[in-house]
Amino acid sequence: MNVLLLSMLGAVYQFEREIMRERQREGIAAAKTKGKFTGRKKTINDDEIIRLVNKGKCIREAADVLGISMSSVQRAKRSFAM
């Protein structure tokens, strides 16, 4: 009996979650058409990252100097195909 109840509650939760995600997608799409949804602004310009890397700084040093994560430096390097 408990297994049946838990299965039903799980199915209801999953259905509600899908509805919430659909509403979220619709809201984001509506905001994008109005030009309101842009996401978070970058904390540092990619050109600044590339300038430090070109000067010979390793990824860790560039991240420390700029106060950003190493993955942000790696992402910038990849976008410039260095």
C-alpha atoms as a PDB file:
ATOM      1  CA  MET A   1       0.000   0.000   0.000  1.00  0.00           C
ATOM      2  CA  ASN A   2       2.794   2.418   0.895  1.00  0.00           C
ATOM      3  CA  VAL A   3       4.612   1.700  -2.352  1.00  0.00           C
ATOM      4  CA  LEU A   4       1.491   2.523  -4.351  1.00  0.00           C
ATOM      5  CA  LEU A   5       0.995   5.789  -2.466  1.00  0.00           C
ATOM      6  CA  LEU A   6       4.630   6.791  -2.942  1.00  0.00           C
ATOM      7  CA  SER A   7       4.443   5.961  -6.644  1.00  0.00           C
ATOM      8  CA  MET A   8       1.345   8.116  -7.058  1.00  0.00           C
ATOM      9  CA  LEU A   9       2.876  11.026  -5.144  1.00  0.00           C
ATOM     10  CA  GLY A  10       6.019  10.732  -7.249  1.00  0.00           C
ATOM     11  CA  ALA A  11       3.997  10.836 -10.450  1.00  0.00           C
ATOM     12  CA  VAL A  12       2.057  13.907  -9.267  1.00  0.00           C
ATOM     13  CA  TYR A  13       5.293  15.654  -8.308  1.00  0.00           C
ATOM     14  CA  GLN A  14       6.861  14.861 -11.672  1.00  0.00           C
ATOM     15  CA  PHE A  15       3.773  16.163 -13.501  1.00  0.00           C
ATOM     16  CA  GLU A  16       3.797  19.401 -11.473  1.00  0.00           C
ATOM     17  CA  ARG A  17       7.513  19.854 -12.111  1.00  0.00           C
ATOM     18  CA  GLU A  18       7.009  19.493 -15.867  1.00  0.00           C
ATOM     19  CA  ILE A  19       4.244  22.111 -15.765  1.00  0.00           C
ATOM     20  CA  MET A  20       6.496  24.494 -13.804  1.00  0.00           C
ATOM     21  CA  ARG A  21       9.354  24.052 -16.274  1.00  0.00           C
ATOM     22  CA  GLU A  22       7.034  24.658 -19.220  1.00  0.00           C
ATOM     23  CA  ARG A  23       5.770  27.883 -17.630  1.00  0.00           C
ATOM     24  CA  GLN A  24       9.355  28.946 -16.993  1.00  0.00           C
ATOM     25  CA  ARG A  25      10.310  28.301 -20.634  1.00  0.00           C
ATOM     26  CA  GLU A  26       7.304  30.309 -21.811  1.00  0.00           C
ATOM     27  CA  GLY A  27       8.197  33.185 -19.488  1.00  0.00           C
ATOM     28  CA  ILE A  28      11.806  33.263 -20.655  1.00  0.00           C
ATOM     29  CA  ALA A  29      10.715  33.176 -24.297  1.00  0.00           C
ATOM     30  CA  ALA A  30       8.290  36.064 -23.703  1.00  0.00           C
ATOM     31  CA  ALA A  31      10.979  38.085 -21.916  1.00  0.00           C
ATOM     32  CA  LYS A  32      13.458  37.451 -24.743  1.00  0.00           C
ATOM     33  CA  THR A  33      11.000  38.746 -27.335  1.00  0.00           C
ATOM     34  CA  LYS A  34      10.666  41.930 -25.261  1.00  0.00           C
ATOM     35  CA  GLY A  35      14.443  42.183 -24.930  1.00  0.00           C
ATOM     36  CA  LYS A  36      14.361  41.844 -21.144  1.00  0.00           C
ATOM     37  CA  PHE A  37      16.048  38.470 -20.611  1.00  0.00           C
ATOM     38  CA  THR A  38      19.787  38.767 -21.075  1.00  0.00           C
ATOM     39  CA  GLY A  39      21.282  36.711 -18.272  1.00  0.00           C
ATOM     40  CA  ARG A  40      24.041  37.815 -15.960  1.00  0.00           C
ATOM     41  CA  LYS A  41      26.559  40.374 -17.183  1.00  0.00           C
ATOM     42  CA  LYS A  42      30.189  39.296 -17.473  1.00  0.00           C
ATOM     43  CA  THR A  43      32.417  40.407 -14.620  1.00  0.00           C
ATOM     44  CA  ILE A  44      35.492  40.786 -16.824  1.00  0.00           C
ATOM     45  CA  ASN A  45      36.099  41.378 -20.520  1.00  0.00           C
ATOM     46  CA  ASP A  46      37.520  38.394 -22.453  1.00  0.00           C
ATOM     47  CA  ASP A  47      40.068  40.714 -24.077  1.00  0.00           C
ATOM     48  CA  GLU A  48      41.607  41.385 -20.653  1.00  0.00           C
ATOM     49  CA  ILE A  49      41.942  37.651 -20.032  1.00  0.00           C
ATOM     50  CA  ILE A  50      43.567  37.067 -23.422  1.00  0.00           C
ATOM     51  CA  ARG A  51      45.941  39.993 -22.874  1.00  0.00           C
ATOM     52  CA  LEU A  52      47.232  38.413 -19.648  1.00  0.00           C
ATOM     53  CA  VAL A  53      47.541  34.954 -21.197  1.00  0.00           C
ATOM     54  CA  ASN A  54      49.436  36.385 -24.177  1.00  0.00           C
ATOM     55  CA  LYS A  55      51.829  38.065 -21.737  1.00  0.00           C
ATOM     56  CA  GLY A  56      52.790  34.610 -20.523  1.00  0.00           C
ATOM     57  CA  LYS A  57      50.575  34.252 -17.460  1.00  0.00           C
ATOM     58  CA  CYS A  58      49.339  30.739 -16.812  1.00  0.00           C
ATOM     59  CA  ILE A  59      45.641  30.103 -16.325  1.00  0.00           C
ATOM     60  CA  ARG A  60      45.890  30.110 -12.531  1.00  0.00           C
ATOM     61  CA  GLU A  61      47.866  33.372 -12.418  1.00  0.00           C
ATOM     62  CA  ALA A  62      45.476  35.114 -14.818  1.00  0.00           C
ATOM     63  CA  ALA A  63      42.502  33.957 -12.744  1.00  0.00           C
ATOM     64  CA  ASP A  64      44.111  35.202  -9.519  1.00  0.00           C
ATOM     65  CA  VAL A  65      45.021  38.597 -10.992  1.00  0.00           C
ATOM     66  CA  LEU A  66      41.522  39.147 -12.395  1.00  0.00           C
ATOM     67  CA  GLY A  67      39.671  37.658  -9.438  1.00  0.00           C
ATOM     68  CA  ILE A  68      37.791  35.099 -11.535  1.00  0.00           C
ATOM     69  CA  SER A  69      37.734  31.318 -11.699  1.00  0.00           C
ATOM     70  CA  MET A  70      40.184  29.239 -13.700  1.00  0.00           C
ATOM     71  CA  SER A  71      37.294  27.836 -15.732  1.00  0.00           C
ATOM     72  CA  SER A  72      36.385  31.382 -16.841  1.00  0.00           C
ATOM     73  CA  VAL A  73      39.931  31.862 -18.122  1.00  0.00           C
ATOM     74  CA  GLN A  74      39.842  28.496 -19.892  1.00  0.00           C
ATOM     75  CA  ARG A  75      36.477  29.364 -21.482  1.00  0.00           C
ATOM     76  CA  ALA A  76      37.865  32.674 -22.786  1.00  0.00           C
ATOM     77  CA  LYS A  77      40.938  30.915 -24.192  1.00  0.00           C
ATOM     78  CA  ARG A  78      38.724  28.394 -25.968  1.00  0.00           C
ATOM     79  CA  SER A  79      36.539  31.110 -27.469  1.00  0.00           C
ATOM     80  CA  PHE A  80      39.655  32.774 -28.915  1.00  0.00           C
ATOM     81  CA  ALA A  81      41.048  29.355 -30.017  1.00  0.00           C
ATOM     82  CA  MET A  82      44.485  29.841 -28.523  1.00  0.00           C
END
